[in-house]
Protein backbone atom coordinates (compact mmCIF):
# COMPACT_ATOMS: atom_id res chain seq x y z
CA MET A 1 0.00 0.00 0.00
CA GLN A 2 1.36 3.41 -0.97
CA SER A 3 1.29 6.33 1.43
CA ILE A 4 -0.71 9.41 0.41
CA SER A 5 0.86 12.75 1.28
CA ILE A 6 -0.70 16.18 1.14
CA GLN A 7 2.64 17.98 1.21
CA GLY A 8 2.53 20.81 -1.31
CA HIS A 9 -1.24 20.55 -1.69
CA ILE A 10 -3.42 23.63 -1.30
CA HIS A 11 -5.43 24.10 1.89
CA HIS A 12 -8.90 24.69 0.45
CA LEU A 13 -10.06 26.98 3.26
CA CYS A 14 -7.32 29.61 3.02
CA GLY A 15 -5.33 28.89 -0.16
CA GLY A 16 -2.03 28.21 1.65
CA ARG A 17 0.16 25.19 0.90
CA TYR A 18 0.93 22.32 3.27
CA GLN A 19 4.63 21.96 4.12
CA ASN A 20 6.52 19.47 6.29
CA SER A 21 7.24 20.69 9.79
CA SER A 22 7.93 18.86 13.04
CA GLU A 23 6.65 18.76 16.58
CA SER A 24 7.97 17.15 19.74
CA VAL A 25 5.79 14.36 21.12
CA THR A 26 6.20 12.20 24.19
CA ILE A 27 5.45 8.55 23.56
CA ARG A 28 4.77 6.28 26.52
CA VAL A 29 4.77 2.50 26.38
CA SER A 30 5.00 -0.15 29.10
CA GLY A 31 5.71 2.42 31.82
CA MET A 32 8.59 4.03 29.90
CA SER A 33 8.59 7.17 27.78
CA THR A 34 10.71 9.20 25.43
CA THR A 35 10.32 12.42 23.47
CA VAL A 36 10.82 12.33 19.71
CA ASP A 37 10.20 14.64 16.77
CA ARG A 38 7.20 13.78 14.60
CA VAL A 39 6.51 15.13 11.12
CA VAL A 40 3.41 17.29 10.84
CA LEU A 41 2.03 18.97 7.71
CA ARG A 42 1.36 22.66 8.37
CA CYS A 43 -0.40 25.17 6.13
CA SER A 44 1.96 28.01 5.23
CA LYS A 45 -0.83 30.58 5.49
CA CYS A 46 -3.18 29.72 8.36
CA GLU A 47 -0.95 27.11 10.12
CA HIS A 48 -3.67 24.42 10.03
CA GLU A 49 -2.03 21.07 10.86
CA GLU A 50 -2.56 17.58 9.47
CA ARG A 51 -0.97 14.38 10.74
CA THR A 52 -0.89 11.06 8.89
CA ALA A 53 -0.82 7.51 10.19
CA ASP A 54 2.59 7.09 8.53
CA HIS A 55 4.00 10.04 10.48
CA ARG A 56 2.61 8.64 13.72
CA GLU A 57 3.98 5.14 13.02
CA ASP A 58 7.42 6.51 12.09
CA ALA A 59 7.59 8.48 15.35
CA GLU A 60 6.51 5.44 17.36
CA ARG A 61 9.12 3.24 15.65
CA VAL A 62 11.85 5.76 16.54
CA ALA A 63 10.52 5.98 20.11
CA TRP A 64 10.49 2.19 20.56
CA LEU A 65 14.08 1.92 19.34
CA ALA A 66 15.14 4.77 21.65
CA ILE A 67 13.36 3.22 24.66
CA ARG A 68 14.83 -0.21 23.92
CA LYS A 69 18.34 1.28 23.64
CA THR A 70 18.03 3.61 26.65
CA HIS A 71 16.82 0.84 28.95
CA GLY A 72 18.97 -1.91 27.41
CA LEU A 73 15.96 -4.12 26.66
CA LEU A 74 16.24 -7.41 24.80
CA THR A 75 15.30 -7.22 21.13
CA PRO A 76 12.62 -9.46 19.60
CA LYS A 77 15.32 -11.62 18.01
CA GLU A 78 17.15 -12.02 21.33
CA ILE A 79 13.92 -13.09 23.05
CA ARG A 80 13.23 -15.66 20.33
CA LEU A 81 16.80 -17.02 20.52
CA LEU A 82 16.49 -17.30 24.31
CA ARG A 83 13.24 -19.29 24.03
CA GLU A 84 14.65 -21.52 21.31
CA SER A 85 17.81 -22.21 23.35
CA LEU A 86 15.56 -23.53 26.13
CA GLY A 87 13.69 -25.72 23.64
CA ILE A 88 10.28 -24.47 24.75
CA THR A 89 7.12 -23.14 23.10
CA HIS A 90 5.66 -19.66 23.49
CA GLU A 91 3.10 -21.07 25.90
CA GLN A 92 5.76 -22.78 28.02
CA MET A 93 7.83 -19.60 28.17
CA GLY A 94 4.73 -17.76 29.36
CA ASP A 95 4.30 -20.41 32.07
CA LEU A 96 7.90 -19.86 33.20
CA LEU A 97 7.12 -16.13 33.40
CA TYR A 98 4.32 -16.59 35.94
CA GLY A 99 1.49 -17.26 33.49
CA THR A 100 2.17 -14.63 30.84
CA PRO A 101 -0.24 -15.32 27.93
CA LYS A 102 1.21 -17.05 24.86
CA GLY A 103 0.12 -14.14 22.62
CA ILE A 104 2.18 -11.67 24.65
CA VAL A 105 5.31 -13.84 24.35
CA GLU A 106 4.70 -14.09 20.59
CA GLY A 107 4.21 -10.32 20.48
CA TRP A 108 7.59 -9.70 22.15
CA GLU A 109 9.27 -11.93 19.58
CA ARG A 110 7.52 -10.27 16.63
CA GLY A 111 8.05 -6.70 17.84
CA ARG A 112 4.32 -6.04 18.38
CA TYR A 113 4.78 -5.51 22.13
CA LEU A 114 7.58 -3.93 24.13
CA GLN A 115 8.41 -5.57 27.44
CA ASN A 116 8.94 -3.34 30.46
CA GLN A 117 12.14 -3.39 32.53
CA GLN A 118 10.83 -5.88 35.10
CA VAL A 119 9.80 -8.35 32.40
CA ASP A 120 13.13 -7.84 30.66
CA GLU A 121 14.91 -8.79 33.90
CA MET A 122 12.74 -11.91 34.20
CA LEU A 123 13.57 -12.85 30.60
CA ARG A 124 17.29 -12.38 31.25
CA SER A 125 17.03 -14.54 34.38
CA LEU A 126 16.13 -17.45 32.10
CA GLU A 127 19.77 -17.58 31.00
CA ASP A 128 20.65 -18.85 34.49
CA ARG A 129 20.21 -22.63 34.66
CA GLN A 130 19.33 -22.70 38.37
CA THR A 131 16.61 -20.11 37.86
CA VAL A 132 15.22 -22.01 34.86
CA GLU A 133 15.19 -25.29 36.80
CA ARG A 134 13.38 -23.69 39.74
CA LEU A 135 10.78 -21.98 37.53
CA ALA A 136 10.34 -25.06 35.33
CA ALA A 137 9.72 -27.29 38.35
CA LYS A 138 7.20 -24.80 39.75
CA ALA A 139 5.39 -24.38 36.39
CA GLY A 140 5.60 -28.04 35.35
CA VAL A 141 7.50 -27.16 32.18
CA VAL A 142 10.14 -29.46 30.67
CA VAL A 143 13.17 -27.44 29.57
CA ALA A 144 16.11 -28.79 27.54
CA GLY A 145 19.24 -29.39 29.62
CA THR A 146 17.51 -29.33 33.03
CA ARG A 147 16.93 -32.06 35.60
CA ASN A 148 13.25 -32.28 34.72
CA GLN A 149 14.04 -33.02 31.05
CA GLU A 150 12.33 -36.03 29.47
CA PRO A 151 14.45 -39.18 29.00
CA GLY A 152 16.01 -39.45 25.55
CA SER A 153 15.91 -35.72 24.81
CA ARG A 154 19.04 -33.68 24.20
CA ASN A 155 20.97 -32.72 27.32
CA GLN A 156 23.94 -30.43 27.71
CA GLY A 157 25.36 -32.73 30.35
CA PRO A 158 26.35 -32.10 33.96
CA GLY A 159 28.51 -29.11 34.65
CA THR A 160 27.78 -27.52 31.28
CA ARG A 161 26.88 -23.91 31.64
CA ASN A 162 24.38 -22.40 29.22
CA GLN A 163 25.95 -19.30 27.71
CA GLY A 164 22.59 -18.10 26.39
CA PRO A 165 21.79 -16.60 23.01
CA VAL A 166 21.62 -12.96 24.03
CA SER A 167 25.32 -12.13 23.73
CA GLU A 168 25.47 -13.89 20.34
CA ALA A 169 22.46 -11.99 19.05
CA ILE A 170 23.43 -8.47 20.12
CA ALA A 171 25.63 -7.74 17.09
CA ILE A 172 22.93 -9.01 14.72
CA SER A 173 20.00 -7.32 16.42
CA GLU A 174 21.47 -3.83 16.67
CA GLN A 175 21.04 -3.55 12.91
CA GLU A 176 17.51 -4.94 12.93
CA VAL A 177 14.64 -2.46 12.50
CA LEU A 178 11.18 -3.84 13.05
CA PRO A 179 7.86 -2.33 12.02
CA VAL A 180 5.89 -1.11 15.01
CA PRO A 181 2.11 -0.71 14.81
CA TRP A 182 0.62 2.51 16.13
CA PHE A 183 -2.00 0.79 18.24
CA LEU A 184 0.39 -1.13 20.57
CA VAL A 185 -1.21 -2.52 23.76
CA PRO A 186 -4.52 -0.90 24.79
CA GLY A 187 -4.01 1.45 27.70
CA SER A 188 -0.21 1.21 27.68
CA TRP A 189 0.53 4.05 25.25
CA SER A 190 -0.30 7.68 24.73
CA LEU A 191 0.80 10.50 22.52
CA GLY A 192 0.98 14.09 23.57
CA SER A 193 2.70 17.08 22.10
CA SER A 194 4.76 19.35 24.29
CA GLU A 195 2.27 22.16 23.55
CA GLU A 196 -0.63 20.17 25.02
CA LYS A 197 1.15 20.02 28.39
CA ARG A 198 1.43 23.79 28.79
């Protein structure tokens, strides 16, 4: 689908032309926020403003990347690699994370949802074998390389420490840019320009 822009078009009420301008907006998601510049089309004569869905989505994508970098959050690829290294499904990972719904875990891996700092710490704790074993036993989840693993399945062996996929994925994931929908999680986002707060 091609984006429709009104840049350069005439504002029919006053005869002025729409030109690209920018405004600062604060974007909040999962208890974290950042301020970014968002493109706005402004009439050169009467200063009427128009915003497009593309402009909003671009600003949100930049905000998500800034929030992820500022708070050092795992990327979607790192979360997927972590789950795969444990040999578990989305549902089982949710069970390890105190009953997090399968759809949320899938959303983290696909970049639809952004985990908050507390969830990110829980995800990172899954790189520690003792933590995984404790959580797996409590949740009744069978995890590769743990004591509760099914007979005949692959085992890392005693004394083998799981290095985890996160450090391997960092170099790859820093170049990855994922599309971010504007609608995020209901109730966990808001947009507001700096002028609205005055």
